[in-house]
PDB file of N, CA and C in Angstrom:
ATOM      1  N   MET A   1       0.839  -1.167  -0.001  1.00  0.00           N
ATOM      2  CA  MET A   1      -0.001   0.000  -0.001  1.00  0.00           C
ATOM      3  C   MET A   1       0.894   1.242   0.001  1.00  0.00           C
ATOM      4  N   LYS A   2       0.605   2.135  -0.903  1.00  0.00           N
ATOM      5  CA  LYS A   2       1.394   3.348  -1.031  1.00  0.00           C
ATOM      6  C   LYS A   2       0.935   4.392  -0.023  1.00  0.00           C
ATOM      7  N   ALA A   3       1.867   5.229   0.403  1.00  0.00           N
ATOM      8  CA  ALA A   3       1.552   6.277   1.367  1.00  0.00           C
ATOM      9  C   ALA A   3       0.542   7.270   0.782  1.00  0.00           C
ATOM     10  N   ALA A   4       0.634   7.532  -0.512  1.00  0.00           N
ATOM     11  CA  ALA A   4      -0.311   8.455  -1.145  1.00  0.00           C
ATOM     12  C   ALA A   4      -1.736   7.911  -1.078  1.00  0.00           C
ATOM     13  N   ASP A   5      -1.881   6.601  -1.234  1.00  0.00           N
ATOM     14  CA  ASP A   5      -3.215   5.986  -1.128  1.00  0.00           C
ATOM     15  C   ASP A   5      -3.759   6.132   0.280  1.00  0.00           C
ATOM     16  N   VAL A   6      -2.892   5.932   1.261  1.00  0.00           N
ATOM     17  CA  VAL A   6      -3.307   6.010   2.658  1.00  0.00           C
ATOM     18  C   VAL A   6      -3.683   7.441   3.020  1.00  0.00           C
ATOM     19  N   ARG A   7      -2.932   8.398   2.536  1.00  0.00           N
ATOM     20  CA  ARG A   7      -3.206   9.803   2.853  1.00  0.00           C
ATOM     21  C   ARG A   7      -4.549  10.266   2.282  1.00  0.00           C
ATOM     22  N   SER A   8      -4.999   9.648   1.209  1.00  0.00           N
ATOM     23  CA  SER A   8      -6.272  10.061   0.600  1.00  0.00           C
ATOM     24  C   SER A   8      -7.484   9.504   1.357  1.00  0.00           C
ATOM     25  N   MET A   9      -7.268   8.604   2.311  1.00  0.00           N
ATOM     26  CA  MET A   9      -8.364   8.005   3.069  1.00  0.00           C
ATOM     27  C   MET A   9      -8.784   8.904   4.227  1.00  0.00           C
ATOM     28  N   THR A  10     -10.038   8.744   4.663  1.00  0.00           N
ATOM     29  CA  THR A  10     -10.513   9.449   5.847  1.00  0.00           C
ATOM     30  C   THR A  10     -10.076   8.666   7.086  1.00  0.00           C
ATOM     31  N   LEU A  11     -10.252   9.265   8.262  1.00  0.00           N
ATOM     32  CA  LEU A  11      -9.874   8.584   9.503  1.00  0.00           C
ATOM     33  C   LEU A  11     -10.680   7.306   9.713  1.00  0.00           C
ATOM     34  N   ASP A  12     -11.963   7.320   9.357  1.00  0.00           N
ATOM     35  CA  ASP A  12     -12.790   6.122   9.493  1.00  0.00           C
ATOM     36  C   ASP A  12     -12.292   5.008   8.573  1.00  0.00           C
ATOM     37  N   GLN A  13     -11.942   5.367   7.360  1.00  0.00           N
ATOM     38  CA  GLN A  13     -11.412   4.373   6.428  1.00  0.00           C
ATOM     39  C   GLN A  13     -10.083   3.826   6.922  1.00  0.00           C
ATOM     40  N   LEU A  14      -9.253   4.703   7.497  1.00  0.00           N
ATOM     41  CA  LEU A  14      -7.969   4.252   8.027  1.00  0.00           C
ATOM     42  C   LEU A  14      -8.167   3.261   9.171  1.00  0.00           C
ATOM     43  N   ASN A  15      -9.133   3.554  10.042  1.00  0.00           N
ATOM     44  CA  ASN A  15      -9.400   2.648  11.152  1.00  0.00           C
ATOM     45  C   ASN A  15      -9.910   1.297  10.666  1.00  0.00           C
ATOM     46  N   ASP A  16     -10.760   1.304   9.645  1.00  0.00           N
ATOM     47  CA  ASP A  16     -11.256   0.046   9.073  1.00  0.00           C
ATOM     48  C   ASP A  16     -10.117  -0.761   8.460  1.00  0.00           C
ATOM     49  N   GLU A  17      -9.269  -0.083   7.712  1.00  0.00           N
ATOM     50  CA  GLU A  17      -8.134  -0.756   7.070  1.00  0.00           C
ATOM     51  C   GLU A  17      -7.166  -1.289   8.121  1.00  0.00           C
ATOM     52  N   LEU A  18      -6.966  -0.545   9.180  1.00  0.00           N
ATOM     53  CA  LEU A  18      -6.082  -0.965  10.259  1.00  0.00           C
ATOM     54  C   LEU A  18      -6.613  -2.227  10.924  1.00  0.00           C
ATOM     55  N   LEU A  19      -7.898  -2.272  11.172  1.00  0.00           N
ATOM     56  CA  LEU A  19      -8.512  -3.456  11.768  1.00  0.00           C
ATOM     57  C   LEU A  19      -8.349  -4.674  10.857  1.00  0.00           C
ATOM     58  N   LYS A  20      -8.555  -4.470   9.564  1.00  0.00           N
ATOM     59  CA  LYS A  20      -8.411  -5.559   8.598  1.00  0.00           C
ATOM     60  C   LYS A  20      -6.977  -6.096   8.580  1.00  0.00           C
ATOM     61  N   LEU A  21      -5.999  -5.183   8.597  1.00  0.00           N
ATOM     62  CA  LEU A  21      -4.596  -5.604   8.567  1.00  0.00           C
ATOM     63  C   LEU A  21      -4.177  -6.299   9.859  1.00  0.00           C
ATOM     64  N   LYS A  22      -4.713  -5.866  10.980  1.00  0.00           N
ATOM     65  CA  LYS A  22      -4.385  -6.529  12.247  1.00  0.00           C
ATOM     66  C   LYS A  22      -4.928  -7.955  12.280  1.00  0.00           C
ATOM     67  N   LYS A  23      -6.120  -8.150  11.708  1.00  0.00           N
ATOM     68  CA  LYS A  23      -6.671  -9.502  11.611  1.00  0.00           C
ATOM     69  C   LYS A  23      -5.807 -10.366  10.700  1.00  0.00           C
ATOM     70  N   GLU A  24      -5.368  -9.780   9.593  1.00  0.00           N
ATOM     71  CA  GLU A  24      -4.503 -10.523   8.668  1.00  0.00           C
ATOM     72  C   GLU A  24      -3.176 -10.879   9.343  1.00  0.00           C
ATOM     73  N   ARG A  25      -2.622  -9.942  10.111  1.00  0.00           N
ATOM     74  CA  ARG A  25      -1.372 -10.219  10.830  1.00  0.00           C
ATOM     75  C   ARG A  25      -1.553 -11.368  11.810  1.00  0.00           C
ATOM     76  N   PHE A  26      -2.685 -11.386  12.505  1.00  0.00           N
ATOM     77  CA  PHE A  26      -2.974 -12.469  13.440  1.00  0.00           C
ATOM     78  C   PHE A  26      -3.027 -13.808  12.709  1.00  0.00           C
ATOM     79  N   ASN A  27      -3.722 -13.834  11.571  1.00  0.00           N
ATOM     80  CA  ASN A  27      -3.824 -15.075  10.796  1.00  0.00           C
ATOM     81  C   ASN A  27      -2.469 -15.519  10.260  1.00  0.00           C
ATOM     82  N   LEU A  28      -1.656 -14.567   9.834  1.00  0.00           N
ATOM     83  CA  LEU A  28      -0.322 -14.907   9.329  1.00  0.00           C
ATOM     84  C   LEU A  28       0.557 -15.483  10.438  1.00  0.00           C
ATOM     85  N   ARG A  29       0.424 -14.931  11.644  1.00  0.00           N
ATOM     86  CA  ARG A  29       1.188 -15.456  12.774  1.00  0.00           C
ATOM     87  C   ARG A  29       0.789 -16.898  13.073  1.00  0.00           C
ATOM     88  N   PHE A  30      -0.499 -17.179  12.977  1.00  0.00           N
ATOM     89  CA  PHE A  30      -0.983 -18.547  13.197  1.00  0.00           C
ATOM     90  C   PHE A  30      -0.446 -19.484  12.124  1.00  0.00           C
ATOM     91  N   GLN A  31      -0.485 -19.032  10.877  1.00  0.00           N
ATOM     92  CA  GLN A  31       0.020 -19.857   9.779  1.00  0.00           C
ATOM     93  C   GLN A  31       1.502 -20.150   9.942  1.00  0.00           C
ATOM     94  N   ARG A  32       2.251 -19.152  10.391  1.00  0.00           N
ATOM     95  CA  ARG A  32       3.687 -19.361  10.593  1.00  0.00           C
ATOM     96  C   ARG A  32       3.938 -20.372  11.711  1.00  0.00           C
ATOM     97  N   ALA A  33       3.150 -20.284  12.775  1.00  0.00           N
ATOM     98  CA  ALA A  33       3.326 -21.180  13.916  1.00  0.00           C
ATOM     99  C   ALA A  33       2.992 -22.623  13.558  1.00  0.00           C
ATOM    100  N   THR A  34       2.029 -22.805  12.659  1.00  0.00           N
ATOM    101  CA  THR A  34       1.630 -24.159  12.287  1.00  0.00           C
ATOM    102  C   THR A  34       2.358 -24.666  11.050  1.00  0.00           C
ATOM    103  N   GLY A  35       3.242 -23.860  10.488  1.00  0.00           N
ATOM    104  CA  GLY A  35       4.020 -24.284   9.334  1.00  0.00           C
ATOM    105  C   GLY A  35       3.268 -24.211   8.019  1.00  0.00           C
ATOM    106  N   GLN A  36       2.175 -23.481   7.961  1.00  0.00           N
ATOM    107  CA  GLN A  36       1.369 -23.382   6.744  1.00  0.00           C
ATOM    108  C   GLN A  36       1.647 -22.116   5.944  1.00  0.00           C
ATOM    109  N   LEU A  37       2.511 -21.254   6.442  1.00  0.00           N
ATOM    110  CA  LEU A  37       2.754 -19.967   5.785  1.00  0.00           C
ATOM    111  C   LEU A  37       3.615 -20.173   4.543  1.00  0.00           C
ATOM    112  N   GLU A  38       3.089 -19.735   3.396  1.00  0.00           N
ATOM    113  CA  GLU A  38       3.823 -19.886   2.136  1.00  0.00           C
ATOM    114  C   GLU A  38       4.548 -18.601   1.759  1.00  0.00           C
ATOM    115  N   ASN A  39       3.877 -17.463   1.905  1.00  0.00           N
ATOM    116  CA  ASN A  39       4.461 -16.177   1.514  1.00  0.00           C
ATOM    117  C   ASN A  39       4.974 -15.477   2.769  1.00  0.00           C
ATOM    118  N   THR A  40       6.211 -15.730   3.128  1.00  0.00           N
ATOM    119  CA  THR A  40       6.763 -15.156   4.351  1.00  0.00           C
ATOM    120  C   THR A  40       6.963 -13.648   4.238  1.00  0.00           C
ATOM    121  N   ALA A  41       7.106 -13.138   3.041  1.00  0.00           N
ATOM    122  CA  ALA A  41       7.305 -11.700   2.847  1.00  0.00           C
ATOM    123  C   ALA A  41       6.038 -10.921   3.196  1.00  0.00           C
ATOM    124  N   ARG A  42       4.894 -11.573   3.157  1.00  0.00           N
ATOM    125  CA  ARG A  42       3.625 -10.894   3.450  1.00  0.00           C
ATOM    126  C   ARG A  42       3.572 -10.410   4.895  1.00  0.00           C
ATOM    127  N   VAL A  43       4.230 -11.132   5.804  1.00  0.00           N
ATOM    128  CA  VAL A  43       4.262 -10.724   7.211  1.00  0.00           C
ATOM    129  C   VAL A  43       4.909  -9.350   7.328  1.00  0.00           C
ATOM    130  N   ARG A  44       6.001  -9.172   6.652  1.00  0.00           N
ATOM    131  CA  ARG A  44       6.719  -7.891   6.692  1.00  0.00           C
ATOM    132  C   ARG A  44       5.898  -6.779   6.054  1.00  0.00           C
ATOM    133  N   GLN A  45       5.249  -7.078   4.932  1.00  0.00           N
ATOM    134  CA  GLN A  45       4.413  -6.082   4.254  1.00  0.00           C
ATOM    135  C   GLN A  45       3.277  -5.613   5.155  1.00  0.00           C
ATOM    136  N   VAL A  46       2.641  -6.553   5.813  1.00  0.00           N
ATOM    137  CA  VAL A  46       1.508  -6.205   6.678  1.00  0.00           C
ATOM    138  C   VAL A  46       1.979  -5.362   7.857  1.00  0.00           C
ATOM    139  N   ARG A  47       3.098  -5.743   8.464  1.00  0.00           N
ATOM    140  CA  ARG A  47       3.634  -4.973   9.587  1.00  0.00           C
ATOM    141  C   ARG A  47       3.916  -3.542   9.175  1.00  0.00           C
ATOM    142  N   ARG A  48       4.512  -3.368   8.034  1.00  0.00           N
ATOM    143  CA  ARG A  48       4.849  -2.020   7.566  1.00  0.00           C
ATOM    144  C   ARG A  48       3.607  -1.221   7.176  1.00  0.00           C
ATOM    145  N   ASP A  49       2.623  -1.891   6.595  1.00  0.00           N
ATOM    146  CA  ASP A  49       1.373  -1.207   6.257  1.00  0.00           C
ATOM    147  C   ASP A  49       0.662  -0.730   7.524  1.00  0.00           C
ATOM    148  N   ILE A  50       0.677  -1.559   8.564  1.00  0.00           N
ATOM    149  CA  ILE A  50       0.071  -1.162   9.836  1.00  0.00           C
ATOM    150  C   ILE A  50       0.774   0.078  10.385  1.00  0.00           C
ATOM    151  N   ALA A  51       2.089   0.062  10.369  1.00  0.00           N
ATOM    152  CA  ALA A  51       2.850   1.207  10.871  1.00  0.00           C
ATOM    153  C   ALA A  51       2.574   2.455  10.039  1.00  0.00           C
ATOM    154  N   ARG A  52       2.491   2.281   8.730  1.00  0.00           N
ATOM    155  CA  ARG A  52       2.233   3.428   7.836  1.00  0.00           C
ATOM    156  C   ARG A  52       0.862   4.037   8.126  1.00  0.00           C
ATOM    157  N   ILE A  53      -0.144   3.191   8.293  1.00  0.00           N
ATOM    158  CA  ILE A  53      -1.492   3.682   8.558  1.00  0.00           C
ATOM    159  C   ILE A  53      -1.560   4.374   9.914  1.00  0.00           C
ATOM    160  N   GLN A  54      -0.912   3.793  10.922  1.00  0.00           N
ATOM    161  CA  GLN A  54      -0.930   4.411  12.250  1.00  0.00           C
ATOM    162  C   GLN A  54      -0.242   5.768  12.235  1.00  0.00           C
ATOM    163  N   THR A  55       0.850   5.882  11.517  1.00  0.00           N
ATOM    164  CA  THR A  55       1.581   7.143  11.437  1.00  0.00           C
ATOM    165  C   THR A  55       0.736   8.223  10.775  1.00  0.00           C
ATOM    166  N   ILE A  56       0.136   7.896   9.652  1.00  0.00           N
ATOM    167  CA  ILE A  56      -0.657   8.878   8.918  1.00  0.00           C
ATOM    168  C   ILE A  56      -1.921   9.236   9.699  1.00  0.00           C
ATOM    169  N   ALA A  57      -2.514   8.264  10.387  1.00  0.00           N
ATOM    170  CA  ALA A  57      -3.706   8.547  11.207  1.00  0.00           C
ATOM    171  C   ALA A  57      -3.352   9.518  12.327  1.00  0.00           C
ATOM    172  N   ARG A  58      -2.194   9.330  12.963  1.00  0.00           N
ATOM    173  CA  ARG A  58      -1.776  10.261  14.017  1.00  0.00           C
ATOM    174  C   ARG A  58      -1.554  11.654  13.458  1.00  0.00           C
ATOM    175  N   GLN A  59      -0.964  11.740  12.271  1.00  0.00           N
ATOM    176  CA  GLN A  59      -0.746  13.035  11.643  1.00  0.00           C
ATOM    177  C   GLN A  59      -2.074  13.730  11.357  1.00  0.00           C
ATOM    178  N   LYS A  60      -3.038  12.972  10.859  1.00  0.00           N
ATOM    179  CA  LYS A  60      -4.345  13.568  10.553  1.00  0.00           C
ATOM    180  C   LYS A  60      -5.061  14.000  11.823  1.00  0.00           C
ATOM    181  N   GLN A  61      -4.924  13.240  12.894  1.00  0.00           N
ATOM    182  CA  GLN A  61      -5.565  13.608  14.151  1.00  0.00           C
ATOM    183  C   GLN A  61      -4.930  14.860  14.742  1.00  0.00           C
ATOM    184  N   ALA A  62      -3.633  15.036  14.560  1.00  0.00           N
ATOM    185  CA  ALA A  62      -2.950  16.211  15.093  1.00  0.00           C
ATOM    186  C   ALA A  62      -3.389  17.471  14.361  1.00  0.00           C
ATOM    187  N   VAL A  63      -3.690  17.355  13.092  1.00  0.00           N
ATOM    188  CA  VAL A  63      -4.101  18.501  12.293  1.00  0.00           C
ATOM    189  C   VAL A  63      -5.563  18.823  12.496  1.00  0.00           C
ATOM    190  N   GLN A  64      -6.369  17.793  12.709  1.00  0.00           N
ATOM    191  CA  GLN A  64      -7.810  17.969  12.853  1.00  0.00           C
ATOM    192  C   GLN A  64      -8.142  18.679  14.157  1.00  0.00           C
ATOM    193  N   PRO A  65      -8.979  19.711  14.118  1.00  0.00           N
ATOM    194  CA  PRO A  65      -9.351  20.396  15.356  1.00  0.00           C
ATOM    195  C   PRO A  65     -10.210  19.485  16.239  1.00  0.00           C
ATOM    196  N   ARG A  66     -10.004  19.592  17.525  1.00  0.00           N
ATOM    197  CA  ARG A  66     -10.734  18.758  18.480  1.00  0.00           C
ATOM    198  C   ARG A  66     -12.090  19.381  18.771  1.00  0.00           C
ATOM    199  N   ALA A  67     -13.093  18.509  18.898  1.00  0.00           N
ATOM    200  CA  ALA A  67     -14.450  18.968  19.214  1.00  0.00           C
ATOM    201  C   ALA A  67     -14.530  19.281  20.708  1.00  0.00           C
ATOM    202  N   LYS A  68     -15.267  20.352  21.038  1.00  0.00           N
ATOM    203  CA  LYS A  68     -15.391  20.751  22.446  1.00  0.00           C
ATOM    204  C   LYS A  68     -16.689  20.274  23.019  1.00  0.00           C
TER     205      LYS A  68
END
C-alpha cells in the first residue's frame, strides 16, 4: 500500500483498514506457527502497512481540530 493511497483516506477508512490488517497479521502469525505460511514476505508487508497507517492517522488527528 502506497503512502499516497493512505493519505487520501478518511480517519474512518484508516481505522477500518487498520482493523483488517491486524486480523490478517494475526492469521499470518498462526500460519507461521503451524508451518502453513507460504508467503513469508507478506508478514513484513503487513507490519509495515500497519505502521504506515498508524503514522498517517496520528498526523491527521494532530491537524484535525478537536471537538469541544
